[in-house]
């Protein structure tokens, strides 16, 4: 009798363990893709204390700055833009969040547009 009650309880517990991460996952981490001009936030824009990639995108007639989180992807794309006035047309894929009133993007892919 006790085993017949234990088996459904174990099955329910196992199901909950498998399903819980999907049920409580944060769906706001969907990747987006932006295209714009990448410049150095320190050398060109003078908006950051240290060199940092910033992608400028035209949105509704205004320039929106996406500050790229330093990681291997963004660090590998930084050298060509790290002089005042240098820029590259890029398409960047990653996750975007607002932090301190700024658009911050964690890039997973950066493609330089050769045109």
PDB file of N, CA and C in Angstrom:
ATOM      1  N   UNK A   1       0.815  -1.186   0.000  1.00  0.00           N
ATOM      2  CA  UNK A   1       0.000   0.000   0.000  1.00  0.00           C
ATOM      3  C   UNK A   1       0.868   1.263   0.000  1.00  0.00           C
ATOM      4  N   UNK A   2       1.915   1.260   0.794  1.00  0.00           N
ATOM      5  CA  UNK A   2       2.788   2.419   0.856  1.00  0.00           C
ATOM      6  C   UNK A   2       3.542   2.616  -0.451  1.00  0.00           C
ATOM      7  N   UNK A   3       3.911   1.538  -1.131  1.00  0.00           N
ATOM      8  CA  UNK A   3       4.638   1.639  -2.393  1.00  0.00           C
ATOM      9  C   UNK A   3       3.739   2.244  -3.468  1.00  0.00           C
ATOM     10  N   UNK A   4       2.461   1.905  -3.458  1.00  0.00           N
ATOM     11  CA  UNK A   4       1.545   2.442  -4.466  1.00  0.00           C
ATOM     12  C   UNK A   4       1.375   3.958  -4.321  1.00  0.00           C
ATOM     13  N   UNK A   5       1.578   4.515  -3.131  1.00  0.00           N
ATOM     14  CA  UNK A   5       1.514   5.962  -2.931  1.00  0.00           C
ATOM     15  C   UNK A   5       2.868   6.607  -3.212  1.00  0.00           C
ATOM     16  N   UNK A   6       3.933   5.880  -3.015  1.00  0.00           N
ATOM     17  CA  UNK A   6       5.279   6.403  -3.200  1.00  0.00           C
ATOM     18  C   UNK A   6       5.609   6.585  -4.682  1.00  0.00           C
ATOM     19  N   UNK A   7       5.191   5.665  -5.523  1.00  0.00           N
ATOM     20  CA  UNK A   7       5.522   5.734  -6.943  1.00  0.00           C
ATOM     21  C   UNK A   7       4.927   6.985  -7.605  1.00  0.00           C
ATOM     22  N   UNK A   8       3.642   7.309  -7.409  1.00  0.00           N
ATOM     23  CA  UNK A   8       3.121   8.552  -8.014  1.00  0.00           C
ATOM     24  C   UNK A   8       3.804   9.807  -7.461  1.00  0.00           C
ATOM     25  N   UNK A   9       4.150   9.784  -6.185  1.00  0.00           N
ATOM     26  CA  UNK A   9       4.833  10.939  -5.593  1.00  0.00           C
ATOM     27  C   UNK A   9       6.215  11.119  -6.210  1.00  0.00           C
ATOM     28  N   UNK A  10       6.938  10.030  -6.412  1.00  0.00           N
ATOM     29  CA  UNK A  10       8.251  10.105  -7.041  1.00  0.00           C
ATOM     30  C   UNK A  10       8.129  10.556  -8.496  1.00  0.00           C
ATOM     31  N   UNK A  11       7.133  10.056  -9.196  1.00  0.00           N
ATOM     32  CA  UNK A  11       6.920  10.459 -10.589  1.00  0.00           C
ATOM     33  C   UNK A  11       6.602  11.951 -10.680  1.00  0.00           C
ATOM     34  N   UNK A  12       5.771  12.443  -9.785  1.00  0.00           N
ATOM     35  CA  UNK A  12       5.432  13.865  -9.778  1.00  0.00           C
ATOM     36  C   UNK A  12       6.658  14.713  -9.456  1.00  0.00           C
ATOM     37  N   UNK A  13       7.468  14.271  -8.515  1.00  0.00           N
ATOM     38  CA  UNK A  13       8.695  14.987  -8.170  1.00  0.00           C
ATOM     39  C   UNK A  13       9.669  15.029  -9.332  1.00  0.00           C
ATOM     40  N   UNK A  14       9.817  13.926 -10.019  1.00  0.00           N
ATOM     41  CA  UNK A  14      10.708  13.859 -11.178  1.00  0.00           C
ATOM     42  C   UNK A  14      10.201  14.776 -12.291  1.00  0.00           C
ATOM     43  N   UNK A  15       8.912  14.761 -12.536  1.00  0.00           N
ATOM     44  CA  UNK A  15       8.328  15.623 -13.551  1.00  0.00           C
ATOM     45  C   UNK A  15       8.550  17.093 -13.214  1.00  0.00           C
ATOM     46  N   UNK A  16       8.393  17.451 -11.966  1.00  0.00           N
ATOM     47  CA  UNK A  16       8.612  18.822 -11.532  1.00  0.00           C
ATOM     48  C   UNK A  16      10.069  19.236 -11.719  1.00  0.00           C
ATOM     49  N   UNK A  17      10.994  18.334 -11.415  1.00  0.00           N
ATOM     50  CA  UNK A  17      12.426  18.641 -11.586  1.00  0.00           C
ATOM     51  C   UNK A  17      12.758  18.904 -13.053  1.00  0.00           C
ATOM     52  N   UNK A  18      12.147  18.158 -13.938  1.00  0.00           N
ATOM     53  CA  UNK A  18      12.422  18.309 -15.365  1.00  0.00           C
ATOM     54  C   UNK A  18      11.734  19.557 -15.921  1.00  0.00           C
ATOM     55  N   UNK A  19      10.519  19.827 -15.506  1.00  0.00           N
ATOM     56  CA  UNK A  19       9.733  20.913 -16.082  1.00  0.00           C
ATOM     57  C   UNK A  19      10.004  22.276 -15.452  1.00  0.00           C
ATOM     58  N   UNK A  20      10.438  22.339 -14.214  1.00  0.00           N
ATOM     59  CA  UNK A  20      10.598  23.609 -13.504  1.00  0.00           C
ATOM     60  C   UNK A  20      11.509  24.599 -14.218  1.00  0.00           C
ATOM     61  N   UNK A  21      12.683  24.199 -14.694  1.00  0.00           N
ATOM     62  CA  UNK A  21      13.530  25.199 -15.374  1.00  0.00           C
ATOM     63  C   UNK A  21      12.848  25.827 -16.584  1.00  0.00           C
ATOM     64  N   UNK A  22      12.069  25.068 -17.314  1.00  0.00           N
ATOM     65  CA  UNK A  22      11.369  25.621 -18.478  1.00  0.00           C
ATOM     66  C   UNK A  22      10.208  26.511 -18.055  1.00  0.00           C
ATOM     67  N   UNK A  23       9.531  26.145 -16.986  1.00  0.00           N
ATOM     68  CA  UNK A  23       8.391  26.930 -16.532  1.00  0.00           C
ATOM     69  C   UNK A  23       8.816  28.291 -15.995  1.00  0.00           C
ATOM     70  N   UNK A  24       9.951  28.338 -15.330  1.00  0.00           N
ATOM     71  CA  UNK A  24      10.396  29.562 -14.679  1.00  0.00           C
ATOM     72  C   UNK A  24      11.520  30.258 -15.436  1.00  0.00           C
ATOM     73  N   UNK A  25      11.769  29.863 -16.672  1.00  0.00           N
ATOM     74  CA  UNK A  25      12.828  30.481 -17.473  1.00  0.00           C
ATOM     75  C   UNK A  25      12.463  31.923 -17.787  1.00  0.00           C
ATOM     76  N   UNK A  26      13.487  32.757 -17.842  1.00  0.00           N
ATOM     77  CA  UNK A  26      13.315  34.165 -18.189  1.00  0.00           C
ATOM     78  C   UNK A  26      13.305  34.283 -19.708  1.00  0.00           C
ATOM     79  N   UNK A  27      12.153  34.566 -20.281  1.00  0.00           N
ATOM     80  CA  UNK A  27      12.030  34.660 -21.724  1.00  0.00           C
ATOM     81  C   UNK A  27      12.501  35.996 -22.281  1.00  0.00           C
ATOM     82  N   UNK A  28      12.982  36.915 -21.437  1.00  0.00           N
ATOM     83  CA  UNK A  28      13.443  38.208 -21.902  1.00  0.00           C
ATOM     84  C   UNK A  28      14.857  38.138 -22.461  1.00  0.00           C
ATOM     85  N   UNK A  29      15.451  36.964 -22.512  1.00  0.00           N
ATOM     86  CA  UNK A  29      16.818  36.828 -23.011  1.00  0.00           C
ATOM     87  C   UNK A  29      16.847  36.422 -24.478  1.00  0.00           C
ATOM     88  N   UNK A  30      15.788  36.718 -25.212  1.00  0.00           N
ATOM     89  CA  UNK A  30      15.773  36.412 -26.625  1.00  0.00           C
ATOM     90  C   UNK A  30      16.802  37.264 -27.352  1.00  0.00           C
ATOM     91  N   UNK A  31      17.498  36.638 -28.301  1.00  0.00           N
ATOM     92  CA  UNK A  31      18.503  37.374 -29.050  1.00  0.00           C
ATOM     93  C   UNK A  31      17.841  38.278 -30.081  1.00  0.00           C
ATOM     94  N   UNK A  32      18.465  39.430 -30.287  1.00  0.00           N
ATOM     95  CA  UNK A  32      18.036  40.369 -31.306  1.00  0.00           C
ATOM     96  C   UNK A  32      19.240  40.664 -32.200  1.00  0.00           C
ATOM     97  N   UNK A  33      18.966  41.194 -33.382  1.00  0.00           N
ATOM     98  CA  UNK A  33      20.032  41.564 -34.306  1.00  0.00           C
ATOM     99  C   UNK A  33      19.859  43.029 -34.668  1.00  0.00           C
ATOM    100  N   UNK A  34      20.962  43.778 -34.570  1.00  0.00           N
ATOM    101  CA  UNK A  34      20.951  45.194 -34.932  1.00  0.00           C
ATOM    102  C   UNK A  34      22.029  45.437 -35.986  1.00  0.00           C
ATOM    103  N   UNK A  35      21.834  46.460 -36.791  1.00  0.00           N
ATOM    104  CA  UNK A  35      22.819  46.855 -37.795  1.00  0.00           C
ATOM    105  C   UNK A  35      23.056  48.348 -37.644  1.00  0.00           C
ATOM    106  N   UNK A  36      24.339  48.718 -37.604  1.00  0.00           N
ATOM    107  CA  UNK A  36      24.672  50.123 -37.448  1.00  0.00           C
ATOM    108  C   UNK A  36      26.155  50.353 -37.561  1.00  0.00           C
ATOM    109  N   UNK A  37      26.581  51.477 -37.061  1.00  0.00           N
ATOM    110  CA  UNK A  37      27.978  51.885 -37.118  1.00  0.00           C
ATOM    111  C   UNK A  37      28.626  51.651 -35.751  1.00  0.00           C
ATOM    112  N   UNK A  38      29.696  50.839 -35.718  1.00  0.00           N
ATOM    113  CA  UNK A  38      30.381  50.551 -34.455  1.00  0.00           C
ATOM    114  C   UNK A  38      31.565  51.494 -34.291  1.00  0.00           C
ATOM    115  N   UNK A  39      31.612  52.151 -33.147  1.00  0.00           N
ATOM    116  CA  UNK A  39      32.688  53.082 -32.811  1.00  0.00           C
ATOM    117  C   UNK A  39      33.176  52.787 -31.394  1.00  0.00           C
ATOM    118  N   UNK A  40      34.269  53.408 -31.015  1.00  0.00           N
ATOM    119  CA  UNK A  40      34.795  53.256 -29.660  1.00  0.00           C
ATOM    120  C   UNK A  40      34.119  54.282 -28.745  1.00  0.00           C
ATOM    121  N   UNK A  41      33.573  53.789 -27.648  1.00  0.00           N
ATOM    122  CA  UNK A  41      32.885  54.656 -26.697  1.00  0.00           C
ATOM    123  C   UNK A  41      33.793  55.657 -26.017  1.00  0.00           C
ATOM    124  N   UNK A  42      35.082  55.344 -25.935  1.00  0.00           N
ATOM    125  CA  UNK A  42      36.033  56.251 -25.295  1.00  0.00           C
ATOM    126  C   UNK A  42      36.702  57.163 -26.327  1.00  0.00           C
ATOM    127  N   UNK A  43      37.291  56.577 -27.351  1.00  0.00           N
ATOM    128  CA  UNK A  43      38.106  57.341 -28.297  1.00  0.00           C
ATOM    129  C   UNK A  43      37.291  58.241 -29.217  1.00  0.00           C
ATOM    130  N   UNK A  44      36.111  57.784 -29.651  1.00  0.00           N
ATOM    131  CA  UNK A  44      35.305  58.558 -30.588  1.00  0.00           C
ATOM    132  C   UNK A  44      34.170  59.313 -29.901  1.00  0.00           C
ATOM    133  N   UNK A  45      33.412  58.615 -29.047  1.00  0.00           N
ATOM    134  CA  UNK A  45      32.239  59.237 -28.437  1.00  0.00           C
ATOM    135  C   UNK A  45      32.517  59.957 -27.125  1.00  0.00           C
ATOM    136  N   UNK A  46      33.604  59.590 -26.454  1.00  0.00           N
ATOM    137  CA  UNK A  46      33.943  60.164 -25.139  1.00  0.00           C
ATOM    138  C   UNK A  46      32.817  59.960 -24.124  1.00  0.00           C
ATOM    139  N   UNK A  47      32.172  58.764 -24.186  1.00  0.00           N
ATOM    140  CA  UNK A  47      31.075  58.440 -23.272  1.00  0.00           C
ATOM    141  C   UNK A  47      31.447  57.393 -22.236  1.00  0.00           C
ATOM    142  N   UNK A  48      32.593  56.719 -22.412  1.00  0.00           N
ATOM    143  CA  UNK A  48      33.017  55.685 -21.472  1.00  0.00           C
ATOM    144  C   UNK A  48      34.419  55.993 -20.977  1.00  0.00           C
ATOM    145  N   UNK A  49      34.731  55.513 -19.789  1.00  0.00           N
ATOM    146  CA  UNK A  49      36.061  55.743 -19.213  1.00  0.00           C
ATOM    147  C   UNK A  49      37.121  54.862 -19.861  1.00  0.00           C
ATOM    148  N   UNK A  50      36.704  53.673 -20.300  1.00  0.00           N
ATOM    149  CA  UNK A  50      37.612  52.741 -20.959  1.00  0.00           C
ATOM    150  C   UNK A  50      37.090  52.440 -22.350  1.00  0.00           C
ATOM    151  N   UNK A  51      37.978  51.942 -23.209  1.00  0.00           N
ATOM    152  CA  UNK A  51      37.561  51.576 -24.556  1.00  0.00           C
ATOM    153  C   UNK A  51      36.451  50.535 -24.490  1.00  0.00           C
ATOM    154  N   UNK A  52      35.405  50.762 -25.267  1.00  0.00           N
ATOM    155  CA  UNK A  52      34.253  49.863 -25.302  1.00  0.00           C
ATOM    156  C   UNK A  52      33.548  50.048 -26.641  1.00  0.00           C
ATOM    157  N   UNK A  53      33.144  48.939 -27.254  1.00  0.00           N
ATOM    158  CA  UNK A  53      32.408  49.000 -28.511  1.00  0.00           C
ATOM    159  C   UNK A  53      31.024  49.589 -28.271  1.00  0.00           C
ATOM    160  N   UNK A  54      30.625  50.498 -29.158  1.00  0.00           N
ATOM    161  CA  UNK A  54      29.285  51.075 -29.129  1.00  0.00           C
ATOM    162  C   UNK A  54      28.754  51.020 -30.557  1.00  0.00           C
ATOM    163  N   UNK A  55      27.574  50.442 -30.720  1.00  0.00           N
ATOM    164  CA  UNK A  55      26.935  50.383 -32.034  1.00  0.00           C
ATOM    165  C   UNK A  55      25.858  51.452 -32.061  1.00  0.00           C
ATOM    166  N   UNK A  56      25.969  52.353 -33.037  1.00  0.00           N
ATOM    167  CA  UNK A  56      24.998  53.423 -33.195  1.00  0.00           C
ATOM    168  C   UNK A  56      24.001  53.032 -34.268  1.00  0.00           C
ATOM    169  N   UNK A  57      22.714  53.045 -33.895  1.00  0.00           N
ATOM    170  CA  UNK A  57      21.632  52.625 -34.783  1.00  0.00           C
ATOM    171  C   UNK A  57      20.638  53.774 -34.906  1.00  0.00           C
ATOM    172  N   UNK A  58      20.184  54.042 -36.134  1.00  0.00           N
ATOM    173  CA  UNK A  58      19.142  55.045 -36.355  1.00  0.00           C
ATOM    174  C   UNK A  58      17.782  54.419 -36.068  1.00  0.00           C
ATOM    175  N   UNK A  59      17.036  55.021 -35.140  1.00  0.00           N
ATOM    176  CA  UNK A  59      15.718  54.510 -34.766  1.00  0.00           C
ATOM    177  C   UNK A  59      14.780  55.694 -34.592  1.00  0.00           C
ATOM    178  N   UNK A  60      13.745  55.749 -35.405  1.00  0.00           N
ATOM    179  CA  UNK A  60      12.759  56.830 -35.356  1.00  0.00           C
ATOM    180  C   UNK A  60      13.405  58.205 -35.490  1.00  0.00           C
ATOM    181  N   UNK A  61      14.395  58.305 -36.369  1.00  0.00           N
ATOM    182  CA  UNK A  61      15.065  59.580 -36.608  1.00  0.00           C
ATOM    183  C   UNK A  61      16.081  59.980 -35.554  1.00  0.00           C
ATOM    184  N   UNK A  62      16.334  59.124 -34.596  1.00  0.00           N
ATOM    185  CA  UNK A  62      17.307  59.419 -33.537  1.00  0.00           C
ATOM    186  C   UNK A  62      18.395  58.353 -33.520  1.00  0.00           C
ATOM    187  N   UNK A  63      19.568  58.739 -33.038  1.00  0.00           N
ATOM    188  CA  UNK A  63      20.662  57.790 -32.900  1.00  0.00           C
ATOM    189  C   UNK A  63      20.579  57.123 -31.536  1.00  0.00           C
ATOM    190  N   UNK A  64      20.518  55.787 -31.539  1.00  0.00           N
ATOM    191  CA  UNK A  64      20.490  55.010 -30.301  1.00  0.00           C
ATOM    192  C   UNK A  64      21.842  54.319 -30.163  1.00  0.00           C
ATOM    193  N   UNK A  65      22.469  54.488 -29.006  1.00  0.00           N
ATOM    194  CA  UNK A  65      23.756  53.852 -28.728  1.00  0.00           C
ATOM    195  C   UNK A  65      23.535  52.544 -27.978  1.00  0.00           C
ATOM    196  N   UNK A  66      24.076  51.455 -28.525  1.00  0.00           N
ATOM    197  CA  UNK A  66      24.068  50.162 -27.859  1.00  0.00           C
ATOM    198  C   UNK A  66      25.486  49.897 -27.367  1.00  0.00           C
ATOM    199  N   UNK A  67      25.673  49.907 -26.063  1.00  0.00           N
ATOM    200  CA  UNK A  67      26.978  49.670 -25.466  1.00  0.00           C
ATOM    201  C   UNK A  67      27.195  48.163 -25.367  1.00  0.00           C
ATOM    202  N   UNK A  68      28.227  47.649 -26.063  1.00  0.00           N
ATOM    203  CA  UNK A  68      28.469  46.215 -26.077  1.00  0.00           C
ATOM    204  C   UNK A  68      29.240  45.794 -24.837  1.00  0.00           C
ATOM    205  N   UNK A  69      28.729  44.784 -24.161  1.00  0.00           N
ATOM    206  CA  UNK A  69      29.399  44.238 -22.983  1.00  0.00           C
ATOM    207  C   UNK A  69      30.732  43.639 -23.412  1.00  0.00           C
ATOM    208  N   UNK A  70      31.821  43.992 -22.733  1.00  0.00           N
ATOM    209  CA  UNK A  70      33.110  43.406 -23.102  1.00  0.00           C
ATOM    210  C   UNK A  70      33.103  41.889 -22.889  1.00  0.00           C
ATOM    211  N   UNK A  71      33.354  41.154 -23.964  1.00  0.00           N
ATOM    212  CA  UNK A  71      33.519  39.708 -23.915  1.00  0.00           C
ATOM    213  C   UNK A  71      34.432  39.326 -25.085  1.00  0.00           C
ATOM    214  N   UNK A  72      34.665  38.054 -25.306  1.00  0.00           N
ATOM    215  CA  UNK A  72      35.561  37.641 -26.392  1.00  0.00           C
ATOM    216  C   UNK A  72      35.071  38.140 -27.747  1.00  0.00           C
ATOM    217  N   UNK A  73      33.773  38.124 -27.967  1.00  0.00           N
ATOM    218  CA  UNK A  73      33.216  38.544 -29.255  1.00  0.00           C
ATOM    219  C   UNK A  73      33.485  40.026 -29.496  1.00  0.00           C
ATOM    220  N   UNK A  74      33.152  40.869 -28.527  1.00  0.00           N
ATOM    221  CA  UNK A  74      33.343  42.308 -28.712  1.00  0.00           C
ATOM    222  C   UNK A  74      34.821  42.698 -28.685  1.00  0.00           C
ATOM    223  N   UNK A  75      35.597  42.051 -27.843  1.00  0.00           N
ATOM    224  CA  UNK A  75      37.025  42.373 -27.778  1.00  0.00           C
ATOM    225  C   UNK A  75      37.734  42.073 -29.096  1.00  0.00           C
ATOM    226  N   UNK A  76      37.339  40.987 -29.771  1.00  0.00           N
ATOM    227  CA  UNK A  76      37.970  40.621 -31.043  1.00  0.00           C
ATOM    228  C   UNK A  76      37.619  41.593 -32.168  1.00  0.00           C
ATOM    229  N   UNK A  77      36.558  42.359 -32.019  1.00  0.00           N
ATOM    230  CA  UNK A  77      36.131  43.293 -33.067  1.00  0.00           C
ATOM    231  C   UNK A  77      36.558  44.726 -32.783  1.00  0.00           C
ATOM    232  N   UNK A  78      37.257  44.968 -31.694  1.00  0.00           N
ATOM    233  CA  UNK A  78      37.503  46.342 -31.249  1.00  0.00           C
ATOM    234  C   UNK A  78      38.653  47.065 -31.951  1.00  0.00           C
ATOM    235  N   UNK A  79      39.722  46.388 -32.252  1.00  0.00           N
ATOM    236  CA  UNK A  79      40.944  47.054 -32.730  1.00  0.00           C
ATOM    237  C   UNK A  79      40.738  48.008 -33.916  1.00  0.00           C
ATOM    238  N   UNK A  80      39.999  47.629 -34.958  1.00  0.00           N
ATOM    239  CA  UNK A  80      39.856  48.546 -36.104  1.00  0.00           C
ATOM    240  C   UNK A  80      39.132  49.854 -35.786  1.00  0.00           C
ATOM    241  N   UNK A  81      38.374  49.908 -34.717  1.00  0.00           N
ATOM    242  CA  UNK A  81      37.608  51.127 -34.404  1.00  0.00           C
ATOM    243  C   UNK A  81      38.234  51.947 -33.288  1.00  0.00           C
ATOM    244  N   UNK A  82      39.344  51.481 -32.747  1.00  0.00           N
ATOM    245  CA  UNK A  82      39.903  52.120 -31.552  1.00  0.00           C
ATOM    246  C   UNK A  82      40.859  53.261 -31.898  1.00  0.00           C
ATOM    247  N   UNK A  83      40.401  54.168 -32.695  1.00  0.00           N
ATOM    248  CA  UNK A  83      41.075  55.426 -32.989  1.00  0.00           C
ATOM    249  C   UNK A  83      39.977  56.452 -33.169  1.00  0.00           C
ATOM    250  N   UNK A  84      40.196  57.689 -32.737  1.00  0.00           N
ATOM    251  CA  UNK A  84      39.153  58.702 -32.890  1.00  0.00           C
ATOM    252  C   UNK A  84      38.681  58.796 -34.339  1.00  0.00           C
ATOM    253  N   UNK A  85      37.381  58.722 -34.536  1.00  0.00           N
ATOM    254  CA  UNK A  85      36.804  58.855 -35.859  1.00  0.00           C
ATOM    255  C   UNK A  85      36.672  57.570 -36.646  1.00  0.00           C
ATOM    256  N   UNK A  86      37.308  56.485 -36.217  1.00  0.00           N
ATOM    257  CA  UNK A  86      37.184  55.212 -36.935  1.00  0.00           C
ATOM    258  C   UNK A  86      35.845  54.569 -36.626  1.00  0.00           C
ATOM    259  N   UNK A  87      35.276  53.924 -37.638  1.00  0.00           N
ATOM    260  CA  UNK A  87      34.021  53.201 -37.442  1.00  0.00           C
ATOM    261  C   UNK A  87      33.937  52.077 -38.463  1.00  0.00           C
ATOM    262  N   UNK A  88      33.044  51.123 -38.183  1.00  0.00           N
ATOM    263  CA  UNK A  88      32.767  50.028 -39.099  1.00  0.00           C
ATOM    264  C   UNK A  88      31.273  49.779 -39.111  1.00  0.00           C
ATOM    265  N   UNK A  89      30.752  49.491 -40.297  1.00  0.00           N
ATOM    266  CA  UNK A  89      29.351  49.086 -40.406  1.00  0.00           C
ATOM    267  C   UNK A  89      29.274  47.624 -39.991  1.00  0.00           C
ATOM    268  N   UNK A  90      28.416  47.312 -39.015  1.00  0.00           N
ATOM    269  CA  UNK A  90      28.346  45.962 -38.466  1.00  0.00           C
ATOM    270  C   UNK A  90      26.905  45.509 -38.285  1.00  0.00           C
ATOM    271  N   UNK A  91      26.756  44.202 -38.211  1.00  0.00           N
ATOM    272  CA  UNK A  91      25.509  43.578 -37.790  1.00  0.00           C
ATOM    273  C   UNK A  91      25.850  42.759 -36.555  1.00  0.00           C
ATOM    274  N   UNK A  92      25.164  43.044 -35.452  1.00  0.00           N
ATOM    275  CA  UNK A  92      25.472  42.415 -34.171  1.00  0.00           C
ATOM    276  C   UNK A  92      24.250  41.648 -33.673  1.00  0.00           C
ATOM    277  N   UNK A  93      24.491  40.426 -33.226  1.00  0.00           N
ATOM    278  CA  UNK A  93      23.447  39.601 -32.630  1.00  0.00           C
ATOM    279  C   UNK A  93      23.779  39.398 -31.163  1.00  0.00           C
ATOM    280  N   UNK A  94      22.776  39.511 -30.307  1.00  0.00           N
ATOM    281  CA  UNK A  94      22.988  39.319 -28.875  1.00  0.00           C
ATOM    282  C   UNK A  94      21.735  39.661 -28.093  1.00  0.00           C
ATOM    283  N   UNK A  95      21.889  39.718 -26.791  1.00  0.00           N
ATOM    284  CA  UNK A  95      20.765  40.058 -25.916  1.00  0.00           C
ATOM    285  C   UNK A  95      20.910  41.495 -25.450  1.00  0.00           C
ATOM    286  N   UNK A  96      19.781  42.195 -25.345  1.00  0.00           N
ATOM    287  CA  UNK A  96      19.775  43.611 -24.976  1.00  0.00           C
ATOM    288  C   UNK A  96      19.028  43.798 -23.666  1.00  0.00           C
ATOM    289  N   UNK A  97      19.593  44.647 -22.820  1.00  0.00           N
ATOM    290  CA  UNK A  97      18.944  45.031 -21.572  1.00  0.00           C
ATOM    291  C   UNK A  97      19.206  46.512 -21.344  1.00  0.00           C
ATOM    292  N   UNK A  98      18.327  47.144 -20.600  1.00  0.00           N
ATOM    293  CA  UNK A  98      18.550  48.541 -20.250  1.00  0.00           C
ATOM    294  C   UNK A  98      19.217  48.596 -18.884  1.00  0.00           C
ATOM    295  N   UNK A  99      20.283  49.376 -18.797  1.00  0.00           N
ATOM    296  CA  UNK A  99      21.005  49.510 -17.532  1.00  0.00           C
ATOM    297  C   UNK A  99      21.402  50.971 -17.365  1.00  0.00           C
ATOM    298  N   UNK A 100      20.995  51.563 -16.279  1.00  0.00           N
ATOM    299  CA  UNK A 100      21.285  52.967 -15.985  1.00  0.00           C
ATOM    300  C   UNK A 100      20.874  53.886 -17.130  1.00  0.00           C
ATOM    301  N   UNK A 101      19.735  53.589 -17.757  1.00  0.00           N
ATOM    302  CA  UNK A 101      19.231  54.414 -18.839  1.00  0.00           C
ATOM    303  C   UNK A 101      19.908  54.198 -20.177  1.00  0.00           C
ATOM    304  N   UNK A 102      20.783  53.204 -20.271  1.00  0.00           N
ATOM    305  CA  UNK A 102      21.507  52.924 -21.517  1.00  0.00           C
ATOM    306  C   UNK A 102      21.114  51.549 -22.038  1.00  0.00           C
ATOM    307  N   UNK A 103      21.162  51.401 -23.360  1.00  0.00           N
ATOM    308  CA  UNK A 103      20.948  50.098 -23.990  1.00  0.00           C
ATOM    309  C   UNK A 103      22.270  49.345 -23.942  1.00  0.00           C
ATOM    310  N   UNK A 104      22.285  48.204 -23.257  1.00  0.00           N
ATOM    311  CA  UNK A 104      23.494  47.396 -23.125  1.00  0.00           C
ATOM    312  C   UNK A 104      23.241  46.063 -23.822  1.00  0.00           C
ATOM    313  N   UNK A 105      24.150  45.703 -24.723  1.00  0.00           N
ATOM    314  CA  UNK A 105      23.996  44.476 -25.496  1.00  0.00           C
ATOM    315  C   UNK A 105      25.154  43.537 -25.215  1.00  0.00           C
ATOM    316  N   UNK A 106      24.829  42.280 -24.935  1.00  0.00           N
ATOM    317  CA  UNK A 106      25.844  41.239 -24.789  1.00  0.00           C
ATOM    318  C   UNK A 106      25.908  40.510 -26.125  1.00  0.00           C
ATOM    319  N   UNK A 107      26.967  40.767 -26.907  1.00  0.00           N
ATOM    320  CA  UNK A 107      27.021  40.208 -28.254  1.00  0.00           C
ATOM    321  C   UNK A 107      27.419  38.735 -28.271  1.00  0.00           C
ATOM    322  N   UNK A 108      26.778  37.992 -29.170  1.00  0.00           N
ATOM    323  CA  UNK A 108      27.167  36.605 -29.416  1.00  0.00           C
ATOM    324  C   UNK A 108      27.783  36.465 -30.804  1.00  0.00           C
ATOM    325  N   UNK A 109      27.555  37.492 -31.661  1.00  0.00           N
ATOM    326  CA  UNK A 109      28.099  37.453 -33.012  1.00  0.00           C
ATOM    327  C   UNK A 109      28.200  38.876 -33.545  1.00  0.00           C
ATOM    328  N   UNK A 110      29.344  39.207 -34.162  1.00  0.00           N
ATOM    329  CA  UNK A 110      29.526  40.492 -34.827  1.00  0.00           C
ATOM    330  C   UNK A 110      30.025  40.212 -36.235  1.00  0.00           C
ATOM    331  N   UNK A 111      29.313  40.751 -37.222  1.00  0.00           N
ATOM    332  CA  UNK A 111      29.698  40.597 -38.623  1.00  0.00           C
ATOM    333  C   UNK A 111      29.957  41.987 -39.186  1.00  0.00           C
ATOM    334  N   UNK A 112      31.169  42.177 -39.738  1.00  0.00           N
ATOM    335  CA  UNK A 112      31.511  43.445 -40.366  1.00  0.00           C
ATOM    336  C   UNK A 112      30.915  43.439 -41.771  1.00  0.00           C
ATOM    337  N   UNK A 113      30.138  44.483 -42.078  1.00  0.00           N
ATOM    338  CA  UNK A 113      29.501  44.601 -43.392  1.00  0.00           C
ATOM    339  C   UNK A 113      30.475  45.273 -44.352  1.00  0.00           C
ATOM    340  N   UNK A 114      30.918  44.547 -45.344  1.00  0.00           N
ATOM    341  CA  UNK A 114      31.873  45.065 -46.329  1.00  0.00           C
ATOM    342  C   UNK A 114      31.121  45.691 -47.487  1.00  0.00           C
ATOM    343  N   UNK A 115      30.679  46.938 -47.307  1.00  0.00           N
ATOM    344  CA  UNK A 115      29.991  47.607 -48.417  1.00  0.00           C
ATOM    345  C   UNK A 115      30.302  49.079 -48.436  1.00  0.00           C
TER     346      UNK A 115
END
